[in-house]
Amino acid sequence: MPALSGSRERLLDATLRVLAEKGYDDLNVRDVAALAGVGTSSIYHFFGGKDGLCRAALHHFDDRVRLEQHALGDEGDDPLRRLEALADWVQRSGDYEWRRYYDTAMARAGAQLDITPSAAPEARFVFQDQVRDTVLAAVHRGDLIPPDGYHRDELATMIAEGIMGIVGRTIVGDPAAVAPLDRTVPLFLTAVITAFGRPGV
């Protein structure tokens, strides 16, 4: 990603936060400028106005998510270790404030700004594909064994949906999600490997 000026980067950060909190219709450029510590003239200079500002913020953080996800493809040849790396990335997504704002801002404003594909579902699909490919590699190696009557694709989908479900409930503050991510995600993976891993894995 290209380097950003300090004012421009602060405006993108502030816009993401205000979009998440208020949505597009209630976003006021004066509030964004005040949060970023710059004058409103900077918004018009860099982005042309409210619409350009909001689009730039969503696209900027969309790119950031994609870059992080695609970098996970370089995690080595062991499929189970790659699966752990993927789970760790999703687990850490709840620790970064900008990711929480990103998810909420995209949900509230992405469709309204006609940003397609919206970043939240695309990020989810990329992650699911990465998990599925990793699980399939583990199945081919004999590290994970689907139970009788189940296809390996079903096992891959179950693992991806399980991890995303845990993370999603925690990030949105579901009261049923009482355990922190750094305990629930590793526990889920341990259960998967215990249930479906060959002896000695």
Protein backbone atom coordinates (compact mmCIF):
# COMPACT_ATOMS: atom_id res chain seq x y z
CA MET A 1 0.00 0.00 0.00
CA PRO A 2 1.35 3.48 -0.80
CA ALA A 3 2.55 5.67 2.06
CA LEU A 4 0.00 8.17 3.29
CA SER A 5 0.50 11.67 4.59
CA GLY A 6 -0.15 12.08 8.29
CA SER A 7 -3.28 14.19 7.80
CA ARG A 8 -4.73 11.87 5.15
CA GLU A 9 -4.12 8.77 7.26
CA ARG A 10 -5.70 10.37 10.34
CA LEU A 11 -8.73 11.32 8.25
CA LEU A 12 -9.16 7.74 7.01
CA ASP A 13 -8.88 6.40 10.56
CA ALA A 14 -11.37 8.96 11.88
CA THR A 15 -13.80 8.34 9.03
CA LEU A 16 -13.82 4.61 9.67
CA ARG A 17 -14.62 5.21 13.32
CA VAL A 18 -17.41 7.73 12.66
CA LEU A 19 -18.91 5.52 9.93
CA ALA A 20 -18.98 2.62 12.37
CA GLU A 21 -20.60 4.72 15.09
CA LYS A 22 -23.07 6.81 13.05
CA GLY A 23 -23.39 5.37 9.54
CA TYR A 24 -23.10 7.33 6.31
CA ASP A 25 -26.21 9.53 6.58
CA ASP A 26 -25.32 10.87 10.03
CA LEU A 27 -21.61 11.31 9.36
CA ASN A 28 -20.61 14.98 9.50
CA VAL A 29 -17.30 15.99 7.94
CA ARG A 30 -16.72 18.50 10.74
CA ASP A 31 -16.86 15.67 13.28
CA VAL A 32 -14.38 13.64 11.23
CA ALA A 33 -12.02 16.59 10.86
CA ALA A 34 -12.17 17.35 14.58
CA LEU A 35 -11.45 13.71 15.47
CA ALA A 36 -8.51 13.67 13.05
CA GLY A 37 -7.21 16.99 14.36
CA VAL A 38 -7.29 18.73 10.97
CA GLY A 39 -9.39 21.39 9.29
CA THR A 40 -12.36 20.48 7.08
CA SER A 41 -10.46 21.96 4.13
CA SER A 42 -8.19 18.90 4.25
CA ILE A 43 -11.17 16.66 3.53
CA TYR A 44 -12.01 18.60 0.38
CA HIS A 45 -8.34 18.77 -0.61
CA PHE A 46 -7.69 15.03 -0.33
CA PHE A 47 -11.11 13.53 -1.05
CA GLY A 48 -13.38 16.13 -2.62
CA GLY A 49 -16.08 15.81 0.03
CA LYS A 50 -18.01 13.38 2.21
CA ASP A 51 -18.71 10.75 -0.43
CA GLY A 52 -15.10 10.55 -1.61
CA LEU A 53 -13.89 10.49 1.98
CA CYS A 54 -16.10 7.57 2.99
CA ARG A 55 -15.31 5.57 -0.13
CA ALA A 56 -11.58 6.14 0.34
CA ALA A 57 -11.74 4.98 3.96
CA LEU A 58 -13.62 1.76 3.19
CA HIS A 59 -11.40 0.92 0.22
CA HIS A 60 -8.24 1.69 2.21
CA PHE A 61 -9.11 -0.67 5.04
CA ASP A 62 -10.49 -3.25 2.61
CA ASP A 63 -7.06 -3.34 0.97
CA ARG A 64 -5.42 -3.65 4.37
CA VAL A 65 -7.50 -6.71 5.26
CA ARG A 66 -6.78 -8.37 1.92
CA LEU A 67 -3.03 -7.79 2.19
CA GLU A 68 -2.94 -9.34 5.64
CA GLN A 69 -4.97 -12.33 4.53
CA HIS A 70 -3.01 -13.03 1.38
CA ALA A 71 0.25 -12.86 3.33
CA LEU A 72 -0.96 -15.93 5.23
CA GLY A 73 -0.28 -18.02 2.13
CA ASP A 74 3.43 -17.93 3.02
CA GLU A 75 3.11 -19.79 6.31
CA GLY A 76 5.00 -22.92 5.27
CA ASP A 77 4.17 -26.36 3.93
CA ASP A 78 2.64 -28.04 6.98
CA PRO A 79 -1.17 -27.73 6.51
CA LEU A 80 -1.95 -28.00 10.22
CA ARG A 81 0.53 -25.23 11.03
CA ARG A 82 -1.01 -23.11 8.26
CA LEU A 83 -4.44 -23.74 9.77
CA GLU A 84 -3.16 -22.56 13.14
CA ALA A 85 -1.71 -19.43 11.48
CA LEU A 86 -5.06 -18.69 9.82
CA ALA A 87 -6.90 -19.15 13.10
CA ASP A 88 -4.39 -16.90 14.81
CA TRP A 89 -5.02 -14.16 12.21
CA VAL A 90 -8.77 -14.32 12.78
CA GLN A 91 -8.26 -14.42 16.53
CA ARG A 92 -6.12 -11.27 16.40
CA SER A 93 -8.74 -9.53 14.28
CA GLY A 94 -10.74 -8.96 17.46
CA ASP A 95 -7.74 -7.29 19.10
CA TYR A 96 -7.21 -4.56 16.51
CA GLU A 97 -9.54 -1.63 17.02
CA TRP A 98 -9.52 -0.67 13.35
CA ARG A 99 -10.80 -4.12 12.35
CA ARG A 100 -13.78 -3.84 14.65
CA TYR A 101 -14.59 -0.42 13.22
CA TYR A 102 -14.01 -1.75 9.71
CA ASP A 103 -16.51 -4.59 10.09
CA THR A 104 -19.18 -2.29 11.51
CA ALA A 105 -18.53 0.54 9.04
CA MET A 106 -18.74 -1.80 6.08
CA ALA A 107 -21.95 -3.32 7.37
CA ARG A 108 -23.53 0.10 7.89
CA ALA A 109 -22.28 1.94 4.81
CA GLY A 110 -20.86 -0.47 2.24
CA ALA A 111 -24.10 -1.25 0.45
CA GLN A 112 -25.29 2.35 0.66
CA LEU A 113 -22.12 3.50 -1.12
CA ASP A 114 -22.47 0.64 -3.61
CA ILE A 115 -19.04 -0.70 -2.79
CA THR A 116 -19.03 -4.19 -4.27
CA PRO A 117 -17.87 -6.70 -3.44
CA SER A 118 -18.24 -5.41 0.08
CA ALA A 119 -15.11 -6.04 2.10
CA ALA A 120 -16.67 -7.99 4.97
CA PRO A 121 -18.13 -10.83 2.88
CA GLU A 122 -15.10 -10.89 0.59
CA ALA A 123 -12.75 -11.18 3.55
CA ARG A 124 -14.91 -13.99 4.87
CA PHE A 125 -14.85 -15.85 1.56
CA VAL A 126 -11.08 -15.44 1.19
CA PHE A 127 -10.61 -16.81 4.68
CA GLN A 128 -12.96 -19.72 4.04
CA ASP A 129 -11.10 -20.58 0.85
CA GLN A 130 -7.77 -20.48 2.66
CA VAL A 131 -9.05 -22.70 5.45
CA ARG A 132 -10.68 -25.09 2.98
CA ASP A 133 -7.50 -25.42 0.95
CA THR A 134 -5.47 -25.98 4.10
CA VAL A 135 -7.85 -28.63 5.44
CA LEU A 136 -7.91 -30.40 2.09
CA ALA A 137 -4.10 -30.46 2.12
CA ALA A 138 -4.20 -31.97 5.60
CA VAL A 139 -6.70 -34.59 4.41
CA HIS A 140 -4.51 -35.49 1.44
CA ARG A 141 -1.54 -35.90 3.77
CA GLY A 142 -3.61 -38.05 6.08
CA ASP A 143 -3.33 -35.60 8.99
CA LEU A 144 -7.11 -35.07 9.16
CA ILE A 145 -9.61 -37.83 8.46
CA PRO A 146 -13.28 -36.98 7.76
CA PRO A 147 -15.72 -39.22 9.65
CA ASP A 148 -17.52 -41.96 7.77
CA GLY A 149 -20.25 -40.60 5.52
CA TYR A 150 -18.78 -37.08 5.34
CA HIS A 151 -16.86 -35.51 2.46
CA ARG A 152 -13.62 -33.65 3.05
CA ASP A 153 -15.24 -30.42 1.76
CA GLU A 154 -17.82 -30.67 4.54
CA LEU A 155 -15.04 -30.97 7.10
CA ALA A 156 -13.28 -27.92 5.64
CA THR A 157 -16.48 -25.84 5.69
CA MET A 158 -17.27 -26.90 9.26
CA ILE A 159 -13.86 -25.78 10.51
CA ALA A 160 -14.02 -22.42 8.69
CA GLU A 161 -17.57 -21.69 9.85
CA GLY A 162 -16.70 -22.75 13.40
CA ILE A 163 -13.79 -20.34 13.66
CA MET A 164 -15.70 -17.47 12.02
CA GLY A 165 -18.69 -18.10 14.25
CA ILE A 166 -16.58 -17.92 17.40
CA VAL A 167 -14.89 -14.72 16.31
CA GLY A 168 -18.09 -13.08 15.08
CA ARG A 169 -19.97 -13.68 18.33
CA THR A 170 -17.08 -12.32 20.37
CA ILE A 171 -16.55 -9.18 18.28
CA VAL A 172 -20.23 -8.18 18.33
CA GLY A 173 -20.38 -8.69 22.08
CA ASP A 174 -22.69 -11.70 22.19
CA PRO A 175 -23.21 -12.36 25.93
CA ALA A 176 -23.05 -16.09 25.19
CA ALA A 177 -19.42 -15.64 24.10
CA VAL A 178 -18.08 -15.66 27.63
CA ALA A 179 -14.54 -16.91 26.90
CA PRO A 180 -11.87 -14.73 25.21
CA LEU A 181 -10.72 -15.53 21.69
CA ASP A 182 -7.24 -16.54 22.80
CA ARG A 183 -8.88 -19.46 24.62
CA THR A 184 -11.83 -20.39 22.40
CA VAL A 185 -10.04 -20.52 19.03
CA PRO A 186 -7.15 -22.75 20.19
CA LEU A 187 -9.63 -24.95 22.05
CA PHE A 188 -11.73 -25.33 18.90
CA LEU A 189 -8.65 -26.29 16.87
CA THR A 190 -7.57 -28.76 19.52
CA ALA A 191 -11.03 -30.34 19.44
CA VAL A 192 -10.88 -30.58 15.62
CA ILE A 193 -7.45 -32.22 15.64
CA THR A 194 -8.45 -34.54 18.47
CA ALA A 195 -11.66 -35.58 16.71
CA PHE A 196 -10.40 -35.85 13.16
CA GLY A 197 -6.61 -36.09 13.35
CA ARG A 198 -4.80 -39.34 12.78
CA PRO A 199 -3.03 -40.77 15.86
CA GLY A 200 0.20 -38.96 16.55
CA VAL A 201 -0.75 -35.68 14.84
